Amino acid sequence: MIASFITNLIAYLAGKHHLKKKIKNHKMWFDSEIERIKKKYHL
């Protein structure tokens, strides 16, 4: 379990820089997903 956590942490840190470049695209997608879910569950 701890080895899995460490592997995930390393992958997260390595991907963090790459993620920053993609975050703008993902934010647009994420916002639209939130709106869709809100409508679906009437939040």
Protein backbone atom coordinates (compact mmCIF):
# COMPACT_ATOMS: atom_id res chain seq x y z
CA MET A 1 0.00 0.00 0.00
CA ILE A 2 2.79 2.44 0.88
CA ALA A 3 4.74 1.49 -2.26
CA SER A 4 1.63 2.22 -4.30
CA PHE A 5 1.27 5.61 -2.60
CA ILE A 6 4.91 6.51 -3.30
CA THR A 7 4.56 5.45 -6.95
CA ASN A 8 1.46 7.59 -7.30
CA LEU A 9 3.17 10.53 -5.59
CA ILE A 10 6.16 10.37 -7.94
CA ALA A 11 3.85 10.13 -10.95
CA TYR A 12 1.89 13.10 -9.60
CA LEU A 13 5.00 15.25 -9.12
CA ALA A 14 6.37 14.30 -12.54
CA GLY A 15 3.04 15.06 -14.17
CA LYS A 16 2.47 18.31 -12.29
CA HIS A 17 4.45 20.47 -14.71
CA HIS A 18 2.78 18.80 -17.70
CA LEU A 19 -0.59 19.27 -16.01
CA LYS A 20 -0.12 23.04 -15.72
CA LYS A 21 -0.06 23.31 -19.51
CA LYS A 22 -3.23 21.24 -19.87
CA ILE A 23 -5.12 22.77 -16.96
CA LYS A 24 -6.77 25.52 -19.00
CA ASN A 25 -8.35 22.99 -21.37
CA HIS A 26 -9.35 20.75 -18.49
CA LYS A 27 -10.83 23.64 -16.53
CA MET A 28 -13.22 24.41 -19.38
CA TRP A 29 -14.20 20.73 -19.59
CA PHE A 30 -14.44 20.46 -15.79
CA ASP A 31 -16.69 23.53 -15.52
CA SER A 32 -19.06 22.15 -18.15
CA GLU A 33 -19.11 18.76 -16.39
CA ILE A 34 -20.03 20.46 -13.10
CA GLU A 35 -22.87 22.33 -14.81
CA ARG A 36 -24.09 19.06 -16.36
CA ILE A 37 -24.02 17.28 -12.98
CA LYS A 38 -25.79 20.18 -11.26
CA LYS A 39 -28.60 20.01 -13.80
CA LYS A 40 -28.80 16.23 -13.56
CA TYR A 41 -29.13 16.23 -9.76
CA HIS A 42 -30.89 19.62 -9.49
CA LEU A 43 -28.23 21.16 -7.24
